[in-house]
Amino acid sequence: MPQLSPGSEEDEHEGPVCEKLGRIQFSVGYSFQDSTLTVKILKGQDLPAKDFSGTSDPFVKIYLLPDKKHKLETKVKRKNLNPHWNETFLFEGFPYEKVVQRTLYLQVLDYDRFSRNDPIGEVSIPLNKLDLANMQTFWKELKPCSDGSGSRGDLLVSLCYNPTANTITVSIIKARNLKAMDIGGTSDPYVKVWLMHKDKRVEKKKTVVMKRCLNPVFNESFPFDVPAHVLRETTIIITVMDKDRLSRNDVIGKIYLSWKSGPAEVKHWKDMISHPRTTVAQWHSLKA
């Protein structure tokens, strides 16, 4: 079966660790007899965990860009980082000369019952680049979503674990390139830090608000009591907020730190555990 080359995903660069977002398998073909484009969403592989329970509930949205109004969706696969969808979607009565002007855009999302769905990653292929006369199957690496969800800014956080005192000290050092949430093109950021045990909120701390600043320096530290026996079930949720005097405060982005969140977060957590009584700092990309 022909395959598109996934391309090099591992460019070395400063700042946040480049996360692997997994990949998706799908098929595309066109029937000239029926003027029908067929898109099959087959499966996903090695998707990142988006929920703090260490898993995701993935589904796929299918668009033929530039048309964003008409989208199709797969079913949600609960708690599954290697989902098998095996669903077929037909775009019927679709003249070939119009099909080749479209770009197939697949967006993989994590379904969230309580808030907006988290984008996991995306794939787009201009249909004029494919031989549509034969059904072709592809594996494609997911890229960060370009709908703004990938550009919320970064946060420098340090963690320090003291096994004798049974504490984790979370230091919010500084942020860079925060997304502007206010009409004036800026934000008034502050940071909330929640200590979670399993899915229960245990304790909350927060920084001061930095007025009109997209690259704020906080330098605030918060110690949390975390006995060794609950360490594996502990998650630290860090949320960068935009303070709004007149309405609800906006979420700019989040980080979930635990032994089972995304690759960059797990690396930081493991570094903290393996270097007790040492302050371990790392940049993290803020997520939706």
Protein backbone atom coordinates (compact mmCIF):
# COMPACT_ATOMS: atom_id res chain seq x y z
CA MET A 1 0.00 0.00 0.00
CA PRO A 2 1.40 3.44 -0.86
CA GLN A 3 2.42 5.57 2.12
CA LEU A 4 3.19 9.24 2.46
CA SER A 5 6.45 9.81 4.27
CA PRO A 6 5.65 11.07 7.76
CA GLY A 7 8.53 13.60 7.66
CA SER A 8 11.01 14.40 10.39
CA GLU A 9 9.21 15.24 13.60
CA GLU A 10 12.26 15.48 15.83
CA ASP A 11 13.77 18.88 15.18
CA GLU A 12 16.01 19.84 18.08
CA HIS A 13 15.07 23.19 19.57
CA GLU A 14 15.19 25.08 22.82
CA GLY A 15 12.22 25.32 25.13
CA PRO A 16 9.43 22.77 25.47
CA VAL A 17 10.04 19.15 24.54
CA CYS A 18 8.52 18.41 21.12
CA GLU A 19 5.71 16.04 21.95
CA LYS A 20 4.79 13.04 19.90
CA LEU A 21 1.08 13.28 19.14
CA GLY A 22 0.63 9.77 17.74
CA ARG A 23 -0.60 8.91 14.26
CA ILE A 24 -3.76 8.08 12.36
CA GLN A 25 -4.58 5.54 9.65
CA PHE A 26 -7.20 6.40 7.03
CA SER A 27 -8.19 5.57 3.43
CA VAL A 28 -9.33 7.88 0.62
CA GLY A 29 -10.78 7.09 -2.81
CA TYR A 30 -13.16 8.50 -5.45
CA SER A 31 -15.79 6.71 -7.51
CA PHE A 32 -16.22 8.43 -10.89
CA GLN A 33 -19.30 6.30 -11.56
CA ASP A 34 -21.15 7.58 -8.46
CA SER A 35 -19.38 10.98 -8.08
CA THR A 36 -18.66 9.95 -4.49
CA LEU A 37 -15.59 10.59 -2.36
CA THR A 38 -15.05 7.90 0.30
CA VAL A 39 -13.03 8.58 3.45
CA LYS A 40 -12.45 5.74 5.91
CA ILE A 41 -11.12 6.51 9.37
CA LEU A 42 -9.41 3.30 10.44
CA LYS A 43 -7.40 3.70 13.64
CA GLY A 44 -5.15 5.81 15.82
CA GLN A 45 -1.87 4.81 17.45
CA ASP A 46 0.12 6.13 20.43
CA LEU A 47 -2.19 9.07 21.05
CA PRO A 48 -1.18 11.25 24.02
CA ALA A 49 -3.12 11.15 27.29
CA LYS A 50 -5.16 14.35 27.64
CA ASP A 51 -7.14 13.51 30.79
CA PHE A 52 -5.50 13.54 34.20
CA SER A 53 -6.62 9.93 34.62
CA GLY A 54 -3.80 9.15 32.15
CA THR A 55 -5.88 8.40 29.05
CA SER A 56 -7.99 10.07 26.34
CA ASP A 57 -11.45 9.67 24.78
CA PRO A 58 -10.54 10.29 21.11
CA PHE A 59 -12.74 11.01 18.12
CA VAL A 60 -12.07 12.44 14.66
CA LYS A 61 -13.64 15.41 12.85
CA ILE A 62 -13.48 15.32 9.05
CA TYR A 63 -13.57 18.45 6.89
CA LEU A 64 -13.06 19.15 3.19
CA LEU A 65 -11.43 22.57 3.43
CA PRO A 66 -12.05 25.38 2.71
CA ASP A 67 -15.59 24.34 3.68
CA LYS A 68 -15.69 24.41 7.50
CA LYS A 69 -19.48 24.34 7.87
CA HIS A 70 -20.01 20.72 6.85
CA LYS A 71 -18.09 18.36 9.08
CA LEU A 72 -18.46 14.68 9.86
CA GLU A 73 -17.41 12.97 13.09
CA THR A 74 -16.49 9.48 14.21
CA LYS A 75 -17.76 7.93 17.41
CA VAL A 76 -15.85 8.59 20.64
CA LYS A 77 -13.62 5.72 21.78
CA ARG A 78 -13.56 5.81 25.58
CA LYS A 79 -10.25 5.58 27.46
CA ASN A 80 -8.26 4.43 24.45
CA LEU A 81 -4.89 5.69 23.17
CA ASN A 82 -4.87 3.16 20.28
CA PRO A 83 -8.47 3.45 19.05
CA HIS A 84 -10.00 1.43 16.19
CA TRP A 85 -12.81 3.43 14.56
CA ASN A 86 -13.25 1.59 11.23
CA GLU A 87 -15.89 4.09 10.07
CA THR A 88 -16.70 5.00 6.46
CA PHE A 89 -17.87 8.47 5.35
CA LEU A 90 -19.31 9.22 1.92
CA PHE A 91 -19.34 12.63 0.25
CA GLU A 92 -21.97 11.89 -2.42
CA GLY A 93 -22.80 13.85 -5.58
CA PHE A 94 -19.41 15.54 -5.46
CA PRO A 95 -18.01 16.38 -8.95
CA TYR A 96 -14.36 15.38 -9.40
CA GLU A 97 -13.33 18.89 -10.50
CA LYS A 98 -14.54 20.20 -7.13
CA VAL A 99 -12.99 17.35 -5.12
CA VAL A 100 -9.50 18.19 -6.41
CA GLN A 101 -9.93 21.78 -5.16
CA ARG A 102 -10.43 20.53 -1.59
CA THR A 103 -8.05 19.59 1.22
CA LEU A 104 -8.92 16.63 3.41
CA TYR A 105 -8.49 17.83 7.00
CA LEU A 106 -8.70 15.37 9.91
CA GLN A 107 -8.66 16.68 13.46
CA VAL A 108 -8.31 14.21 16.35
CA LEU A 109 -9.84 15.47 19.59
CA ASP A 110 -10.23 14.25 23.15
CA TYR A 111 -13.92 14.29 24.09
CA ASP A 112 -14.61 16.09 27.37
CA ARG A 113 -18.06 15.94 28.90
CA PHE A 114 -17.51 18.91 31.21
CA SER A 115 -15.56 21.42 29.11
CA ARG A 116 -14.53 22.03 25.51
CA ASN A 117 -12.98 19.10 23.69
CA ASP A 118 -9.15 19.14 23.67
CA PRO A 119 -7.47 19.05 20.25
CA ILE A 120 -4.90 16.23 20.07
CA GLY A 121 -3.53 16.77 16.56
CA GLU A 122 -4.34 17.17 12.88
CA VAL A 123 -3.52 15.92 9.39
CA SER A 124 -4.26 17.70 6.12
CA ILE A 125 -3.76 16.46 2.54
CA PRO A 126 -4.64 18.41 -0.62
CA LEU A 127 -6.75 15.94 -2.64
CA ASN A 128 -5.12 17.00 -5.92
CA LYS A 129 -1.93 15.33 -4.63
CA LEU A 130 -3.57 11.87 -4.49
CA ASP A 131 -4.46 9.26 -7.09
CA LEU A 132 -8.12 9.08 -6.08
CA ALA A 133 -9.10 6.49 -8.69
CA ASN A 134 -7.85 3.77 -6.34
CA MET A 135 -8.63 3.56 -2.64
CA GLN A 136 -5.35 4.34 -0.88
CA THR A 137 -4.50 3.83 2.78
CA PHE A 138 -2.15 6.14 4.71
CA TRP A 139 -0.49 6.34 8.10
CA LYS A 140 0.14 10.00 8.97
CA GLU A 141 1.84 11.53 12.01
CA LEU A 142 -0.43 14.00 13.80
CA LYS A 143 0.80 17.60 13.83
CA PRO A 144 -0.09 20.18 16.52
CA CYS A 145 -3.46 21.77 15.73
CA SER A 146 -3.07 25.07 13.91
CA ASP A 147 -6.41 26.55 15.03
CA GLY A 148 -4.71 28.56 17.77
CA SER A 149 -4.69 25.69 20.24
CA GLY A 150 -0.98 25.21 19.66
CA SER A 151 -0.04 28.79 20.49
CA ARG A 152 -1.11 29.52 24.05
CA GLY A 153 2.40 30.21 25.28
CA ASP A 154 4.86 28.43 27.55
CA LEU A 155 5.38 28.31 31.32
CA LEU A 156 8.63 27.69 33.20
CA VAL A 157 7.88 25.57 36.27
CA SER A 158 10.20 24.03 38.84
CA LEU A 159 9.41 21.06 41.07
CA CYS A 160 11.20 19.97 44.23
CA TYR A 161 10.36 16.73 46.04
CA ASN A 162 11.40 16.29 49.67
CA PRO A 163 10.74 12.67 50.71
CA THR A 164 11.65 13.36 54.36
CA ALA A 165 9.13 16.18 54.76
CA ASN A 166 6.69 14.53 52.29
CA THR A 167 6.37 17.75 50.29
CA ILE A 168 6.39 18.82 46.66
CA THR A 169 7.23 22.49 46.16
CA VAL A 170 5.87 23.91 42.90
CA SER A 171 7.53 27.13 41.74
CA ILE A 172 5.86 29.20 39.03
CA ILE A 173 8.85 31.04 37.57
CA LYS A 174 7.78 32.85 34.39
CA ALA A 175 5.74 32.59 31.20
CA ARG A 176 6.48 33.59 27.62
CA ASN A 177 4.39 34.38 24.53
CA LEU A 178 1.07 34.03 26.36
CA LYS A 179 -2.00 34.24 24.16
CA ALA A 180 -3.64 37.69 24.28
CA MET A 181 -7.16 37.22 25.67
CA ASP A 182 -8.27 40.87 25.97
CA ILE A 183 -9.54 43.15 23.20
CA GLY A 184 -6.50 45.40 23.72
CA GLY A 185 -4.19 42.59 22.54
CA THR A 186 -2.87 41.67 25.96
CA SER A 187 -3.73 39.62 29.08
CA ASP A 188 -3.67 40.01 32.88
CA PRO A 189 -2.27 36.59 33.75
CA TYR A 190 -2.14 34.74 37.04
CA VAL A 191 -1.55 31.06 37.77
CA LYS A 192 -3.67 28.59 39.75
CA VAL A 193 -2.07 25.41 41.09
CA TRP A 194 -4.34 22.52 42.13
CA LEU A 195 -3.11 19.46 43.99
CA MET A 196 -5.26 16.49 42.92
CA HIS A 197 -5.41 13.04 44.49
CA LYS A 198 -6.99 10.56 42.07
CA ASP A 199 -9.76 12.80 40.67
CA LYS A 200 -10.36 14.82 43.85
CA ARG A 201 -9.19 18.38 44.41
CA VAL A 202 -7.13 18.55 47.60
CA GLU A 203 -5.64 22.04 47.76
CA LYS A 204 -5.39 25.21 45.65
CA LYS A 205 -2.77 27.99 45.53
CA LYS A 206 -2.52 30.97 43.21
CA THR A 207 -0.06 33.66 42.19
CA VAL A 208 -0.61 37.41 42.04
CA VAL A 209 -2.10 38.92 38.86
CA MET A 210 0.38 40.53 36.45
CA LYS A 211 -1.32 43.42 34.64
CA ARG A 212 -1.13 43.74 30.84
CA CYS A 213 1.75 41.31 30.35
CA LEU A 214 2.29 38.40 27.93
CA ASN A 215 5.76 37.50 29.31
CA PRO A 216 5.19 37.74 33.09
CA VAL A 217 7.76 36.83 35.76
CA PHE A 218 6.07 35.36 38.85
CA ASN A 219 8.80 33.68 40.95
CA GLU A 220 6.29 32.28 43.47
CA SER A 221 6.67 28.94 45.28
CA PHE A 222 3.95 26.76 46.80
CA PRO A 223 4.67 23.75 49.03
CA PHE A 224 2.12 20.89 49.04
CA ASP A 225 1.97 17.95 51.46
CA VAL A 226 2.22 14.73 49.43
CA PRO A 227 2.85 11.51 51.42
CA ALA A 228 4.96 8.97 49.50
CA HIS A 229 2.14 6.39 49.31
CA VAL A 230 -0.12 8.76 47.31
CA LEU A 231 2.60 10.02 44.96
CA ARG A 232 1.54 7.75 42.08
CA GLU A 233 -2.06 8.96 42.30
CA THR A 234 -1.13 12.64 42.54
CA THR A 235 -1.58 15.15 39.73
CA ILE A 236 -0.62 18.82 39.85
CA ILE A 237 -2.81 20.90 37.54
CA ILE A 238 -1.35 24.29 36.66
CA THR A 239 -3.73 26.71 34.93
CA VAL A 240 -2.70 30.08 33.53
CA MET A 241 -5.70 32.41 33.76
CA ASP A 242 -6.49 35.86 32.39
CA LYS A 243 -8.02 38.00 35.13
CA ASP A 244 -11.11 39.85 33.92
CA ARG A 245 -12.66 42.50 36.14
CA LEU A 246 -16.04 42.52 34.41
CA SER A 247 -16.66 38.91 33.41
CA ARG A 248 -15.51 35.36 34.00
CA ASN A 249 -11.74 34.86 34.08
CA ASP A 250 -10.50 33.16 30.88
CA VAL A 251 -8.32 30.06 30.82
CA ILE A 252 -5.20 30.74 28.71
CA GLY A 253 -3.86 27.20 29.03
CA LYS A 254 -3.12 24.25 31.33
CA ILE A 255 -0.40 21.79 32.29
CA TYR A 256 -1.05 18.42 33.96
CA LEU A 257 2.00 17.16 35.87
CA SER A 258 2.00 13.53 36.99
CA TRP A 259 3.72 10.22 36.20
CA LYS A 260 1.14 9.47 33.48
CA SER A 261 0.40 12.71 31.57
CA GLY A 262 2.07 13.78 28.28
CA PRO A 263 5.73 12.91 27.49
CA ALA A 264 7.17 16.33 28.48
CA GLU A 265 5.18 16.35 31.73
CA VAL A 266 6.14 12.78 32.64
CA LYS A 267 9.82 13.58 32.02
CA HIS A 268 9.60 16.50 34.47
CA TRP A 269 7.80 14.36 37.07
CA LYS A 270 10.36 11.54 36.81
CA ASP A 271 13.25 14.02 37.00
CA MET A 272 11.72 15.41 40.22
CA ILE A 273 11.37 11.95 41.80
CA SER A 274 14.88 10.84 40.78
CA HIS A 275 16.52 14.05 42.10
CA PRO A 276 15.02 14.50 45.59
CA ARG A 277 15.65 17.82 47.40
CA THR A 278 16.75 19.32 44.07
CA THR A 279 14.88 22.04 42.21
CA VAL A 280 14.15 20.74 38.68
CA ALA A 281 12.94 23.40 36.21
CA GLN A 282 11.38 22.79 32.78
CA TRP A 283 9.48 24.78 30.15
CA HIS A 284 6.02 23.44 29.25
CA SER A 285 3.72 24.32 26.38
CA LEU A 286 0.28 25.35 27.62
CA LYS A 287 -2.56 23.11 26.39
CA ALA A 288 -6.20 23.89 25.69
